């Protein structure tokens, strides 16, 4: 399943992956589109720095609420000051997630403190 607030980007996503279940909407509302928990959720494409300021906690709480215990939430985003890693970790912990691993790229290059991008893997408690 995929969710985007931009109809043009949603059309592009549908063209690239027509077999997925695509919905127009925002990330906090994504949970209403599918019943039941899933094994994982991926927030690629800097989702966490494109959500409305102040909704980061709600986004992670909603995402985590749809993940089965032991399932993964994987988020990749630029560390540009819009959202710090500490802020993300605080929101993730409040959402019931625990850190599993961290990378500098989607290709799993090692994450080094001070880097400008992170892919963080968290497990639902």
PDB file of N, CA and C in Angstrom:
ATOM      1  N   UNK A   1       0.840  -1.170   0.000  1.00  0.00           N
ATOM      2  CA  UNK A   1       0.000   0.000   0.000  1.00  0.00           C
ATOM      3  C   UNK A   1       0.883   1.230   0.000  1.00  0.00           C
ATOM      4  N   UNK A   2       0.436   2.260  -0.700  1.00  0.00           N
ATOM      5  CA  UNK A   2       1.142   3.525  -0.712  1.00  0.00           C
ATOM      6  C   UNK A   2       0.171   4.679  -0.531  1.00  0.00           C
ATOM      7  N   UNK A   3       0.645   5.749   0.081  1.00  0.00           N
ATOM      8  CA  UNK A   3      -0.169   6.932   0.336  1.00  0.00           C
ATOM      9  C   UNK A   3       0.643   8.165  -0.024  1.00  0.00           C
ATOM     10  N   UNK A   4      -0.002   9.120  -0.705  1.00  0.00           N
ATOM     11  CA  UNK A   4       0.644  10.400  -0.994  1.00  0.00           C
ATOM     12  C   UNK A   4      -0.412  11.481  -1.054  1.00  0.00           C
ATOM     13  N   UNK A   5      -0.052  12.696  -0.652  1.00  0.00           N
ATOM     14  CA  UNK A   5      -0.986  13.817  -0.698  1.00  0.00           C
ATOM     15  C   UNK A   5      -0.974  14.519  -2.047  1.00  0.00           C
ATOM     16  N   UNK A   6       0.013  14.234  -2.876  1.00  0.00           N
ATOM     17  CA  UNK A   6       0.158  14.896  -4.171  1.00  0.00           C
ATOM     18  C   UNK A   6      -0.401  13.998  -5.280  1.00  0.00           C
ATOM     19  N   UNK A   7      -1.513  14.400  -5.922  1.00  0.00           N
ATOM     20  CA  UNK A   7      -2.108  13.562  -6.959  1.00  0.00           C
ATOM     21  C   UNK A   7      -1.157  13.250  -8.120  1.00  0.00           C
ATOM     22  N   UNK A   8      -0.303  14.203  -8.488  1.00  0.00           N
ATOM     23  CA  UNK A   8       0.632  13.962  -9.594  1.00  0.00           C
ATOM     24  C   UNK A   8       1.660  12.896  -9.210  1.00  0.00           C
ATOM     25  N   UNK A   9       2.179  12.968  -7.993  1.00  0.00           N
ATOM     26  CA  UNK A   9       3.141  11.965  -7.545  1.00  0.00           C
ATOM     27  C   UNK A   9       2.456  10.610  -7.367  1.00  0.00           C
ATOM     28  N   UNK A  10       1.211  10.634  -6.945  1.00  0.00           N
ATOM     29  CA  UNK A  10       0.458   9.390  -6.809  1.00  0.00           C
ATOM     30  C   UNK A  10       0.254   8.731  -8.176  1.00  0.00           C
ATOM     31  N   UNK A  11      -0.028   9.533  -9.200  1.00  0.00           N
ATOM     32  CA  UNK A  11      -0.169   8.987 -10.559  1.00  0.00           C
ATOM     33  C   UNK A  11       1.142   8.359 -11.028  1.00  0.00           C
ATOM     34  N   UNK A  12       2.268   9.013 -10.732  1.00  0.00           N
ATOM     35  CA  UNK A  12       3.573   8.455 -11.116  1.00  0.00           C
ATOM     36  C   UNK A  12       3.827   7.144 -10.389  1.00  0.00           C
ATOM     37  N   UNK A  13       3.478   7.102  -9.109  1.00  0.00           N
ATOM     38  CA  UNK A  13       3.672   5.880  -8.323  1.00  0.00           C
ATOM     39  C   UNK A  13       2.804   4.750  -8.873  1.00  0.00           C
ATOM     40  N   UNK A  14       1.560   5.061  -9.199  1.00  0.00           N
ATOM     41  CA  UNK A  14       0.669   4.040  -9.764  1.00  0.00           C
ATOM     42  C   UNK A  14       1.219   3.491 -11.074  1.00  0.00           C
ATOM     43  N   UNK A  15       1.813   4.371 -11.885  1.00  0.00           N
ATOM     44  CA  UNK A  15       2.378   3.931 -13.161  1.00  0.00           C
ATOM     45  C   UNK A  15       3.570   2.997 -12.944  1.00  0.00           C
ATOM     46  N   UNK A  16       4.369   3.279 -11.914  1.00  0.00           N
ATOM     47  CA  UNK A  16       5.545   2.462 -11.636  1.00  0.00           C
ATOM     48  C   UNK A  16       5.206   1.153 -10.935  1.00  0.00           C
ATOM     49  N   UNK A  17       4.152   1.153 -10.145  1.00  0.00           N
ATOM     50  CA  UNK A  17       3.794  -0.045  -9.372  1.00  0.00           C
ATOM     51  C   UNK A  17       2.271  -0.206  -9.380  1.00  0.00           C
ATOM     52  N   UNK A  18       1.710  -0.585 -10.512  1.00  0.00           N
ATOM     53  CA  UNK A  18       0.256  -0.654 -10.630  1.00  0.00           C
ATOM     54  C   UNK A  18      -0.403  -1.738  -9.774  1.00  0.00           C
ATOM     55  N   UNK A  19       0.351  -2.707  -9.310  1.00  0.00           N
ATOM     56  CA  UNK A  19      -0.229  -3.785  -8.510  1.00  0.00           C
ATOM     57  C   UNK A  19      -0.393  -3.426  -7.032  1.00  0.00           C
ATOM     58  N   UNK A  20       0.176  -2.293  -6.617  1.00  0.00           N
ATOM     59  CA  UNK A  20       0.039  -1.868  -5.224  1.00  0.00           C
ATOM     60  C   UNK A  20      -1.273  -1.121  -5.029  1.00  0.00           C
ATOM     61  N   UNK A  21      -1.704  -1.071  -3.803  1.00  0.00           N
ATOM     62  CA  UNK A  21      -2.935  -0.393  -3.410  1.00  0.00           C
ATOM     63  C   UNK A  21      -2.573   1.051  -3.042  1.00  0.00           C
ATOM     64  N   UNK A  22      -2.872   2.020  -3.919  1.00  0.00           N
ATOM     65  CA  UNK A  22      -2.483   3.423  -3.743  1.00  0.00           C
ATOM     66  C   UNK A  22      -3.668   4.256  -3.263  1.00  0.00           C
ATOM     67  N   UNK A  23      -3.385   5.208  -2.343  1.00  0.00           N
ATOM     68  CA  UNK A  23      -4.425   6.068  -1.787  1.00  0.00           C
ATOM     69  C   UNK A  23      -3.956   7.514  -1.747  1.00  0.00           C
ATOM     70  N   UNK A  24      -4.848   8.428  -2.099  1.00  0.00           N
ATOM     71  CA  UNK A  24      -4.591   9.848  -1.958  1.00  0.00           C
ATOM     72  C   UNK A  24      -4.903  10.221  -0.522  1.00  0.00           C
ATOM     73  N   UNK A  25      -3.945  10.802   0.175  1.00  0.00           N
ATOM     74  CA  UNK A  25      -4.160  11.182   1.566  1.00  0.00           C
ATOM     75  C   UNK A  25      -2.844  11.489   2.235  1.00  0.00           C
ATOM     76  N   UNK A  26      -2.908  11.705   3.544  1.00  0.00           N
ATOM     77  CA  UNK A  26      -1.703  12.014   4.307  1.00  0.00           C
ATOM     78  C   UNK A  26      -1.302  10.820   5.164  1.00  0.00           C
ATOM     79  N   UNK A  27      -0.071  10.834   5.595  1.00  0.00           N
ATOM     80  CA  UNK A  27       0.449   9.704   6.365  1.00  0.00           C
ATOM     81  C   UNK A  27      -0.292   9.457   7.669  1.00  0.00           C
ATOM     82  N   UNK A  28      -0.674  10.494   8.435  1.00  0.00           N
ATOM     83  CA  UNK A  28      -1.403  10.184   9.668  1.00  0.00           C
ATOM     84  C   UNK A  28      -2.720   9.469   9.418  1.00  0.00           C
ATOM     85  N   UNK A  29      -3.337   9.688   8.258  1.00  0.00           N
ATOM     86  CA  UNK A  29      -4.617   9.043   7.953  1.00  0.00           C
ATOM     87  C   UNK A  29      -4.443   7.699   7.268  1.00  0.00           C
ATOM     88  N   UNK A  30      -3.217   7.299   6.990  1.00  0.00           N
ATOM     89  CA  UNK A  30      -2.969   6.087   6.209  1.00  0.00           C
ATOM     90  C   UNK A  30      -3.526   4.831   6.863  1.00  0.00           C
ATOM     91  N   UNK A  31      -3.582   4.797   8.180  1.00  0.00           N
ATOM     92  CA  UNK A  31      -4.046   3.609   8.871  1.00  0.00           C
ATOM     93  C   UNK A  31      -5.471   3.216   8.554  1.00  0.00           C
ATOM     94  N   UNK A  32      -6.297   4.155   8.145  1.00  0.00           N
ATOM     95  CA  UNK A  32      -7.701   3.820   7.890  1.00  0.00           C
ATOM     96  C   UNK A  32      -7.899   3.078   6.578  1.00  0.00           C
ATOM     97  N   UNK A  33      -6.870   3.008   5.732  1.00  0.00           N
ATOM     98  CA  UNK A  33      -7.014   2.409   4.417  1.00  0.00           C
ATOM     99  C   UNK A  33      -6.944   0.889   4.424  1.00  0.00           C
ATOM    100  N   UNK A  34      -6.348   0.315   5.408  1.00  0.00           N
ATOM    101  CA  UNK A  34      -6.202  -1.140   5.433  1.00  0.00           C
ATOM    102  C   UNK A  34      -6.372  -1.641   6.857  1.00  0.00           C
ATOM    103  N   UNK A  35      -7.209  -2.619   7.016  1.00  0.00           N
ATOM    104  CA  UNK A  35      -7.437  -3.195   8.340  1.00  0.00           C
ATOM    105  C   UNK A  35      -6.333  -4.195   8.661  1.00  0.00           C
ATOM    106  N   UNK A  36      -6.041  -4.329   9.946  1.00  0.00           N
ATOM    107  CA  UNK A  36      -5.073  -5.327  10.383  1.00  0.00           C
ATOM    108  C   UNK A  36      -3.649  -4.820  10.351  1.00  0.00           C
ATOM    109  N   UNK A  37      -2.819  -5.505  11.086  1.00  0.00           N
ATOM    110  CA  UNK A  37      -1.412  -5.133  11.178  1.00  0.00           C
ATOM    111  C   UNK A  37      -0.612  -5.774  10.048  1.00  0.00           C
ATOM    112  N   UNK A  38       0.451  -5.112   9.651  1.00  0.00           N
ATOM    113  CA  UNK A  38       1.343  -5.604   8.613  1.00  0.00           C
ATOM    114  C   UNK A  38       2.715  -5.870   9.223  1.00  0.00           C
ATOM    115  N   UNK A  39       3.558  -6.570   8.476  1.00  0.00           N
ATOM    116  CA  UNK A  39       4.896  -6.916   8.989  1.00  0.00           C
ATOM    117  C   UNK A  39       5.861  -5.740   8.952  1.00  0.00           C
ATOM    118  N   UNK A  40       5.580  -4.745   8.142  1.00  0.00           N
ATOM    119  CA  UNK A  40       6.492  -3.616   8.084  1.00  0.00           C
ATOM    120  C   UNK A  40       5.932  -2.460   7.293  1.00  0.00           C
ATOM    121  N   UNK A  41       6.518  -1.317   7.532  1.00  0.00           N
ATOM    122  CA  UNK A  41       6.193  -0.106   6.796  1.00  0.00           C
ATOM    123  C   UNK A  41       7.502   0.588   6.444  1.00  0.00           C
ATOM    124  N   UNK A  42       7.536   1.154   5.240  1.00  0.00           N
ATOM    125  CA  UNK A  42       8.728   1.876   4.794  1.00  0.00           C
ATOM    126  C   UNK A  42       8.332   3.311   4.490  1.00  0.00           C
ATOM    127  N   UNK A  43       9.083   4.236   5.069  1.00  0.00           N
ATOM    128  CA  UNK A  43       8.887   5.663   4.832  1.00  0.00           C
ATOM    129  C   UNK A  43      10.098   6.157   4.047  1.00  0.00           C
ATOM    130  N   UNK A  44      10.026   5.985   2.745  1.00  0.00           N
ATOM    131  CA  UNK A  44      11.141   6.368   1.865  1.00  0.00           C
ATOM    132  C   UNK A  44      10.868   7.754   1.285  1.00  0.00           C
ATOM    133  N   UNK A  45      11.872   8.313   0.658  1.00  0.00           N
ATOM    134  CA  UNK A  45      11.680   9.586  -0.022  1.00  0.00           C
ATOM    135  C   UNK A  45      11.526  10.762   0.917  1.00  0.00           C
ATOM    136  N   UNK A  46      12.186  10.712   2.052  1.00  0.00           N
ATOM    137  CA  UNK A  46      12.180  11.841   2.991  1.00  0.00           C
ATOM    138  C   UNK A  46      10.809  12.138   3.586  1.00  0.00           C
ATOM    139  N   UNK A  47       9.957  11.122   3.691  1.00  0.00           N
ATOM    140  CA  UNK A  47       8.613  11.333   4.221  1.00  0.00           C
ATOM    141  C   UNK A  47       8.654  12.140   5.514  1.00  0.00           C
ATOM    142  N   UNK A  48       9.522  11.787   6.421  1.00  0.00           N
ATOM    143  CA  UNK A  48       9.512  12.408   7.745  1.00  0.00           C
ATOM    144  C   UNK A  48       9.870  13.888   7.728  1.00  0.00           C
ATOM    145  N   UNK A  49      10.539  14.374   6.684  1.00  0.00           N
ATOM    146  CA  UNK A  49      10.811  15.809   6.647  1.00  0.00           C
ATOM    147  C   UNK A  49       9.849  16.548   5.722  1.00  0.00           C
ATOM    148  N   UNK A  50       8.908  15.827   5.118  1.00  0.00           N
ATOM    149  CA  UNK A  50       7.895  16.462   4.285  1.00  0.00           C
ATOM    150  C   UNK A  50       6.517  16.500   4.934  1.00  0.00           C
ATOM    151  N   UNK A  51       6.350  15.824   6.057  1.00  0.00           N
ATOM    152  CA  UNK A  51       5.064  15.923   6.751  1.00  0.00           C
ATOM    153  C   UNK A  51       4.969  17.311   7.375  1.00  0.00           C
ATOM    154  N   UNK A  52       3.754  17.747   7.666  1.00  0.00           N
ATOM    155  CA  UNK A  52       3.566  19.061   8.278  1.00  0.00           C
ATOM    156  C   UNK A  52       4.311  19.127   9.606  1.00  0.00           C
ATOM    157  N   UNK A  53       4.969  20.250   9.827  1.00  0.00           N
ATOM    158  CA  UNK A  53       5.688  20.428  11.091  1.00  0.00           C
ATOM    159  C   UNK A  53       4.742  20.201  12.263  1.00  0.00           C
ATOM    160  N   UNK A  54       5.229  19.489  13.239  1.00  0.00           N
ATOM    161  CA  UNK A  54       4.428  19.215  14.418  1.00  0.00           C
ATOM    162  C   UNK A  54       3.608  17.935  14.328  1.00  0.00           C
ATOM    163  N   UNK A  55       3.608  17.281  13.151  1.00  0.00           N
ATOM    164  CA  UNK A  55       2.839  16.033  13.008  1.00  0.00           C
ATOM    165  C   UNK A  55       3.731  14.795  13.027  1.00  0.00           C
ATOM    166  N   UNK A  56       5.020  14.978  13.218  1.00  0.00           N
ATOM    167  CA  UNK A  56       5.944  13.839  13.167  1.00  0.00           C
ATOM    168  C   UNK A  56       5.556  12.746  14.166  1.00  0.00           C
ATOM    169  N   UNK A  57       5.212  13.138  15.386  1.00  0.00           N
ATOM    170  CA  UNK A  57       4.806  12.149  16.394  1.00  0.00           C
ATOM    171  C   UNK A  57       3.558  11.399  15.946  1.00  0.00           C
ATOM    172  N   UNK A  58       2.567  12.131  15.426  1.00  0.00           N
ATOM    173  CA  UNK A  58       1.319  11.511  14.978  1.00  0.00           C
ATOM    174  C   UNK A  58       1.565  10.574  13.806  1.00  0.00           C
ATOM    175  N   UNK A  59       2.445  10.967  12.898  1.00  0.00           N
ATOM    176  CA  UNK A  59       2.759  10.112  11.752  1.00  0.00           C
ATOM    177  C   UNK A  59       3.356   8.798  12.232  1.00  0.00           C
ATOM    178  N   UNK A  60       4.376   8.863  13.079  1.00  0.00           N
ATOM    179  CA  UNK A  60       5.010   7.626  13.556  1.00  0.00           C
ATOM    180  C   UNK A  60       4.068   6.790  14.413  1.00  0.00           C
ATOM    181  N   UNK A  61       3.243   7.427  15.204  1.00  0.00           N
ATOM    182  CA  UNK A  61       2.281   6.682  16.016  1.00  0.00           C
ATOM    183  C   UNK A  61       1.292   5.940  15.121  1.00  0.00           C
ATOM    184  N   UNK A  62       0.796   6.602  14.086  1.00  0.00           N
ATOM    185  CA  UNK A  62      -0.138   5.963  13.162  1.00  0.00           C
ATOM    186  C   UNK A  62       0.527   4.830  12.404  1.00  0.00           C
ATOM    187  N   UNK A  63       1.721   5.087  11.899  1.00  0.00           N
ATOM    188  CA  UNK A  63       2.450   4.051  11.162  1.00  0.00           C
ATOM    189  C   UNK A  63       2.701   2.850  12.067  1.00  0.00           C
ATOM    190  N   UNK A  64       3.221   3.098  13.260  1.00  0.00           N
ATOM    191  CA  UNK A  64       3.532   2.002  14.188  1.00  0.00           C
ATOM    192  C   UNK A  64       2.281   1.242  14.608  1.00  0.00           C
ATOM    193  N   UNK A  65       1.148   1.921  14.694  1.00  0.00           N
ATOM    194  CA  UNK A  65      -0.077   1.252  15.127  1.00  0.00           C
ATOM    195  C   UNK A  65      -0.556   0.206  14.126  1.00  0.00           C
ATOM    196  N   UNK A  66      -0.093   0.283  12.901  1.00  0.00           N
ATOM    197  CA  UNK A  66      -0.497  -0.657  11.855  1.00  0.00           C
ATOM    198  C   UNK A  66       0.533  -1.755  11.627  1.00  0.00           C
ATOM    199  N   UNK A  67       1.578  -1.781  12.455  1.00  0.00           N
ATOM    200  CA  UNK A  67       2.636  -2.778  12.326  1.00  0.00           C
ATOM    201  C   UNK A  67       2.487  -3.806  13.448  1.00  0.00           C
ATOM    202  N   UNK A  68       2.578  -5.072  13.092  1.00  0.00           N
ATOM    203  CA  UNK A  68       2.479  -6.145  14.079  1.00  0.00           C
ATOM    204  C   UNK A  68       3.687  -6.119  15.015  1.00  0.00           C
ATOM    205  N   UNK A  69       3.525  -6.584  16.246  1.00  0.00           N
ATOM    206  CA  UNK A  69       4.673  -6.682  17.152  1.00  0.00           C
ATOM    207  C   UNK A  69       5.813  -7.452  16.494  1.00  0.00           C
ATOM    208  N   UNK A  70       7.014  -6.900  16.603  1.00  0.00           N
ATOM    209  CA  UNK A  70       8.185  -7.499  15.970  1.00  0.00           C
ATOM    210  C   UNK A  70       8.381  -7.047  14.535  1.00  0.00           C
ATOM    211  N   UNK A  71       7.367  -6.375  13.962  1.00  0.00           N
ATOM    212  CA  UNK A  71       7.486  -5.850  12.604  1.00  0.00           C
ATOM    213  C   UNK A  71       8.392  -4.630  12.565  1.00  0.00           C
ATOM    214  N   UNK A  72       8.761  -4.231  11.374  1.00  0.00           N
ATOM    215  CA  UNK A  72       9.730  -3.148  11.211  1.00  0.00           C
ATOM    216  C   UNK A  72       9.117  -1.886  10.616  1.00  0.00           C
ATOM    217  N   UNK A  73       9.612  -0.756  11.081  1.00  0.00           N
ATOM    218  CA  UNK A  73       9.362   0.542  10.456  1.00  0.00           C
ATOM    219  C   UNK A  73      10.723   1.051  10.000  1.00  0.00           C
ATOM    220  N   UNK A  74      10.837   1.298   8.712  1.00  0.00           N
ATOM    221  CA  UNK A  74      12.103   1.741   8.130  1.00  0.00           C
ATOM    222  C   UNK A  74      11.875   3.121   7.525  1.00  0.00           C
ATOM    223  N   UNK A  75      12.647   4.089   7.969  1.00  0.00           N
ATOM    224  CA  UNK A  75      12.500   5.466   7.492  1.00  0.00           C
ATOM    225  C   UNK A  75      13.846   5.998   7.039  1.00  0.00           C
ATOM    226  N   UNK A  76      13.858   6.621   5.870  1.00  0.00           N
ATOM    227  CA  UNK A  76      15.062   7.261   5.370  1.00  0.00           C
ATOM    228  C   UNK A  76      14.791   8.732   5.151  1.00  0.00           C
ATOM    229  N   UNK A  77      15.683   9.589   5.649  1.00  0.00           N
ATOM    230  CA  UNK A  77      15.487  11.023   5.479  1.00  0.00           C
ATOM    231  C   UNK A  77      16.790  11.785   5.660  1.00  0.00           C
ATOM    232  N   UNK A  78      16.804  12.974   5.053  1.00  0.00           N
ATOM    233  CA  UNK A  78      17.972  13.843   5.166  1.00  0.00           C
ATOM    234  C   UNK A  78      18.024  14.452   6.557  1.00  0.00           C
ATOM    235  N   UNK A  79      19.219  14.575   7.061  1.00  0.00           N
ATOM    236  CA  UNK A  79      19.449  15.198   8.364  1.00  0.00           C
ATOM    237  C   UNK A  79      19.889  16.638   8.122  1.00  0.00           C
ATOM    238  N   UNK A  80      18.933  17.467   7.742  1.00  0.00           N
ATOM    239  CA  UNK A  80      19.227  18.839   7.330  1.00  0.00           C
ATOM    240  C   UNK A  80      18.874  19.858   8.392  1.00  0.00           C
ATOM    241  N   UNK A  81      18.436  19.412   9.556  1.00  0.00           N
ATOM    242  CA  UNK A  81      18.003  20.327  10.590  1.00  0.00           C
ATOM    243  C   UNK A  81      16.494  20.416  10.676  1.00  0.00           C
ATOM    244  N   UNK A  82      15.780  19.994   9.648  1.00  0.00           N
ATOM    245  CA  UNK A  82      14.307  19.985   9.673  1.00  0.00           C
ATOM    246  C   UNK A  82      13.813  19.017  10.742  1.00  0.00           C
ATOM    247  N   UNK A  83      14.450  17.859  10.816  1.00  0.00           N
ATOM    248  CA  UNK A  83      14.148  16.849  11.830  1.00  0.00           C
ATOM    249  C   UNK A  83      15.476  16.220  12.217  1.00  0.00           C
ATOM    250  N   UNK A  84      15.807  16.324  13.479  1.00  0.00           N
ATOM    251  CA  UNK A  84      17.057  15.726  13.926  1.00  0.00           C
ATOM    252  C   UNK A  84      16.831  14.247  14.226  1.00  0.00           C
ATOM    253  N   UNK A  85      17.911  13.524  14.276  1.00  0.00           N
ATOM    254  CA  UNK A  85      17.831  12.108  14.609  1.00  0.00           C
ATOM    255  C   UNK A  85      17.322  11.916  16.038  1.00  0.00           C
ATOM    256  N   UNK A  86      17.736  12.779  16.950  1.00  0.00           N
ATOM    257  CA  UNK A  86      17.242  12.697  18.331  1.00  0.00           C
ATOM    258  C   UNK A  86      15.734  12.919  18.385  1.00  0.00           C
ATOM    259  N   UNK A  87      15.214  13.876  17.607  1.00  0.00           N
ATOM    260  CA  UNK A  87      13.772  14.119  17.576  1.00  0.00           C
ATOM    261  C   UNK A  87      13.031  12.909  17.002  1.00  0.00           C
ATOM    262  N   UNK A  88      13.586  12.344  15.937  1.00  0.00           N
ATOM    263  CA  UNK A  88      12.971  11.150  15.354  1.00  0.00           C
ATOM    264  C   UNK A  88      12.964  10.015  16.381  1.00  0.00           C
ATOM    265  N   UNK A  89      14.089   9.793  17.032  1.00  0.00           N
ATOM    266  CA  UNK A  89      14.183   8.706  18.015  1.00  0.00           C
ATOM    267  C   UNK A  89      13.188   8.890  19.159  1.00  0.00           C
ATOM    268  N   UNK A  90      13.011  10.123  19.607  1.00  0.00           N
ATOM    269  CA  UNK A  90      12.048  10.396  20.674  1.00  0.00           C
ATOM    270  C   UNK A  90      10.633  10.060  20.213  1.00  0.00           C
ATOM    271  N   UNK A  91      10.284  10.472  18.996  1.00  0.00           N
ATOM    272  CA  UNK A  91       8.952  10.177  18.445  1.00  0.00           C
ATOM    273  C   UNK A  91       8.772   8.679  18.232  1.00  0.00           C
ATOM    274  N   UNK A  92       9.820   8.009  17.761  1.00  0.00           N
ATOM    275  CA  UNK A  92       9.745   6.567  17.520  1.00  0.00           C
ATOM    276  C   UNK A  92       9.547   5.810  18.833  1.00  0.00           C
ATOM    277  N   UNK A  93      10.269   6.182  19.855  1.00  0.00           N
ATOM    278  CA  UNK A  93      10.123   5.537  21.160  1.00  0.00           C
ATOM    279  C   UNK A  93       8.707   5.736  21.698  1.00  0.00           C
ATOM    280  N   UNK A  94       8.181   6.953  21.577  1.00  0.00           N
ATOM    281  CA  UNK A  94       6.823   7.239  22.038  1.00  0.00           C
ATOM    282  C   UNK A  94       5.790   6.440  21.250  1.00  0.00           C
ATOM    283  N   UNK A  95       6.110   6.092  20.009  1.00  0.00           N
ATOM    284  CA  UNK A  95       5.198   5.317  19.161  1.00  0.00           C
ATOM    285  C   UNK A  95       5.311   3.813  19.400  1.00  0.00           C
ATOM    286  N   UNK A  96       6.190   3.412  20.322  1.00  0.00           N
ATOM    287  CA  UNK A  96       6.333   1.990  20.625  1.00  0.00           C
ATOM    288  C   UNK A  96       7.349   1.282  19.757  1.00  0.00           C
ATOM    289  N   UNK A  97       8.295   2.039  19.224  1.00  0.00           N
ATOM    290  CA  UNK A  97       9.339   1.458  18.367  1.00  0.00           C
ATOM    291  C   UNK A  97      10.670   1.438  19.106  1.00  0.00           C
ATOM    292  N   UNK A  98      11.473   0.436  18.796  1.00  0.00           N
ATOM    293  CA  UNK A  98      12.803   0.311  19.389  1.00  0.00           C
ATOM    294  C   UNK A  98      13.833   0.214  18.261  1.00  0.00           C
ATOM    295  N   UNK A  99      14.964   0.902  18.381  1.00  0.00           N
ATOM    296  CA  UNK A  99      15.969   0.872  17.318  1.00  0.00           C
ATOM    297  C   UNK A  99      16.557  -0.515  17.102  1.00  0.00           C
ATOM    298  N   UNK A 100      16.753  -0.848  15.823  1.00  0.00           N
ATOM    299  CA  UNK A 100      17.352  -2.128  15.442  1.00  0.00           C
ATOM    300  C   UNK A 100      18.676  -1.886  14.730  1.00  0.00           C
ATOM    301  N   UNK A 101      18.670  -0.975  13.767  1.00  0.00           N
ATOM    302  CA  UNK A 101      19.867  -0.705  12.973  1.00  0.00           C
ATOM    303  C   UNK A 101      19.760   0.674  12.353  1.00  0.00           C
ATOM    304  N   UNK A 102      20.878   1.157  11.861  1.00  0.00           N
ATOM    305  CA  UNK A 102      20.927   2.474  11.247  1.00  0.00           C
ATOM    306  C   UNK A 102      21.966   2.443  10.143  1.00  0.00           C
ATOM    307  N   UNK A 103      21.619   3.056   8.995  1.00  0.00           N
ATOM    308  CA  UNK A 103      22.510   3.087   7.834  1.00  0.00           C
ATOM    309  C   UNK A 103      22.599   4.505   7.288  1.00  0.00           C
ATOM    310  N   UNK A 104      23.612   4.743   6.454  1.00  0.00           N
ATOM    311  CA  UNK A 104      23.791   6.050   5.811  1.00  0.00           C
ATOM    312  C   UNK A 104      23.102   6.119   4.462  1.00  0.00           C
ATOM    313  N   UNK A 105      22.749   4.964   3.901  1.00  0.00           N
ATOM    314  CA  UNK A 105      22.099   4.903   2.590  1.00  0.00           C
ATOM    315  C   UNK A 105      21.137   3.722   2.570  1.00  0.00           C
ATOM    316  N   UNK A 106      20.295   3.681   1.528  1.00  0.00           N
ATOM    317  CA  UNK A 106      19.390   2.542   1.353  1.00  0.00           C
ATOM    318  C   UNK A 106      20.166   1.285   0.962  1.00  0.00           C
ATOM    319  N   UNK A 107      21.415   1.449   0.540  1.00  0.00           N
ATOM    320  CA  UNK A 107      22.279   0.306   0.220  1.00  0.00           C
ATOM    321  C   UNK A 107      22.986  -0.228   1.462  1.00  0.00           C
ATOM    322  N   UNK A 108      22.622   0.269   2.614  1.00  0.00           N
ATOM    323  CA  UNK A 108      23.132  -0.169   3.915  1.00  0.00           C
ATOM    324  C   UNK A 108      24.583   0.195   4.187  1.00  0.00           C
ATOM    325  N   UNK A 109      25.043   1.316   3.640  1.00  0.00           N
ATOM    326  CA  UNK A 109      26.371   1.816   4.006  1.00  0.00           C
ATOM    327  C   UNK A 109      26.331   2.184   5.490  1.00  0.00           C
ATOM    328  N   UNK A 110      27.431   1.989   6.192  1.00  0.00           N
ATOM    329  CA  UNK A 110      27.439   2.274   7.629  1.00  0.00           C
ATOM    330  C   UNK A 110      27.086   3.734   7.927  1.00  0.00           C
ATOM    331  N   UNK A 111      26.286   3.916   8.950  1.00  0.00           N
ATOM    332  CA  UNK A 111      25.937   5.270   9.388  1.00  0.00           C
ATOM    333  C   UNK A 111      27.035   5.792  10.297  1.00  0.00           C
ATOM    334  N   UNK A 112      27.455   7.008  10.043  1.00  0.00           N
ATOM    335  CA  UNK A 112      28.447   7.675  10.874  1.00  0.00           C
ATOM    336  C   UNK A 112      27.830   8.946  11.439  1.00  0.00           C
ATOM    337  N   UNK A 113      28.031   9.186  12.729  1.00  0.00           N
ATOM    338  CA  UNK A 113      27.542  10.422  13.335  1.00  0.00           C
ATOM    339  C   UNK A 113      28.030  11.603  12.516  1.00  0.00           C
ATOM    340  N   UNK A 114      27.158  12.573  12.312  1.00  0.00           N
ATOM    341  CA  UNK A 114      27.511  13.746  11.533  1.00  0.00           C
ATOM    342  C   UNK A 114      27.167  13.610  10.056  1.00  0.00           C
ATOM    343  N   UNK A 115      26.661  12.428   9.653  1.00  0.00           N
ATOM    344  CA  UNK A 115      26.268  12.233   8.266  1.00  0.00           C
ATOM    345  C   UNK A 115      25.049  13.075   7.922  1.00  0.00           C
ATOM    346  N   UNK A 116      24.758  13.191   6.622  1.00  0.00           N
ATOM    347  CA  UNK A 116      23.644  14.044   6.211  1.00  0.00           C
ATOM    348  C   UNK A 116      22.386  13.264   5.818  1.00  0.00           C
ATOM    349  N   UNK A 117      22.422  11.925   5.934  1.00  0.00           N
ATOM    350  CA  UNK A 117      21.263  11.102   5.592  1.00  0.00           C
ATOM    351  C   UNK A 117      21.258   9.869   6.495  1.00  0.00           C
ATOM    352  N   UNK A 118      20.050   9.420   6.833  1.00  0.00           N
ATOM    353  CA  UNK A 118      19.931   8.234   7.675  1.00  0.00           C
ATOM    354  C   UNK A 118      18.815   7.339   7.162  1.00  0.00           C
ATOM    355  N   UNK A 119      19.032   6.061   7.245  1.00  0.00           N
ATOM    356  CA  UNK A 119      17.981   5.063   7.096  1.00  0.00           C
ATOM    357  C   UNK A 119      17.948   4.348   8.441  1.00  0.00           C
ATOM    358  N   UNK A 120      16.855   4.532   9.146  1.00  0.00           N
ATOM    359  CA  UNK A 120      16.757   3.978  10.483  1.00  0.00           C
ATOM    360  C   UNK A 120      15.736   2.845  10.493  1.00  0.00           C
ATOM    361  N   UNK A 121      16.098   1.749  11.129  1.00  0.00           N
ATOM    362  CA  UNK A 121      15.255   0.558  11.201  1.00  0.00           C
ATOM    363  C   UNK A 121      14.844   0.383  12.651  1.00  0.00           C
ATOM    364  N   UNK A 122      13.540   0.353  12.875  1.00  0.00           N
ATOM    365  CA  UNK A 122      13.016   0.203  14.216  1.00  0.00           C
ATOM    366  C   UNK A 122      12.020  -0.945  14.249  1.00  0.00           C
ATOM    367  N   UNK A 123      11.931  -1.603  15.394  1.00  0.00           N
ATOM    368  CA  UNK A 123      11.031  -2.745  15.560  1.00  0.00           C
ATOM    369  C   UNK A 123       9.881  -2.340  16.475  1.00  0.00           C
ATOM    370  N   UNK A 124       8.690  -2.817  16.135  1.00  0.00           N
ATOM    371  CA  UNK A 124       7.518  -2.566  16.984  1.00  0.00           C
ATOM    372  C   UNK A 124       7.608  -3.443  18.227  1.00  0.00           C
ATOM    373  N   UNK A 125       7.506  -2.832  19.394  1.00  0.00           N
ATOM    374  CA  UNK A 125       7.549  -3.582  20.656  1.00  0.00           C
ATOM    375  C   UNK A 125       6.245  -4.294  20.896  1.00  0.00           C
TER     376      UNK A 125
END
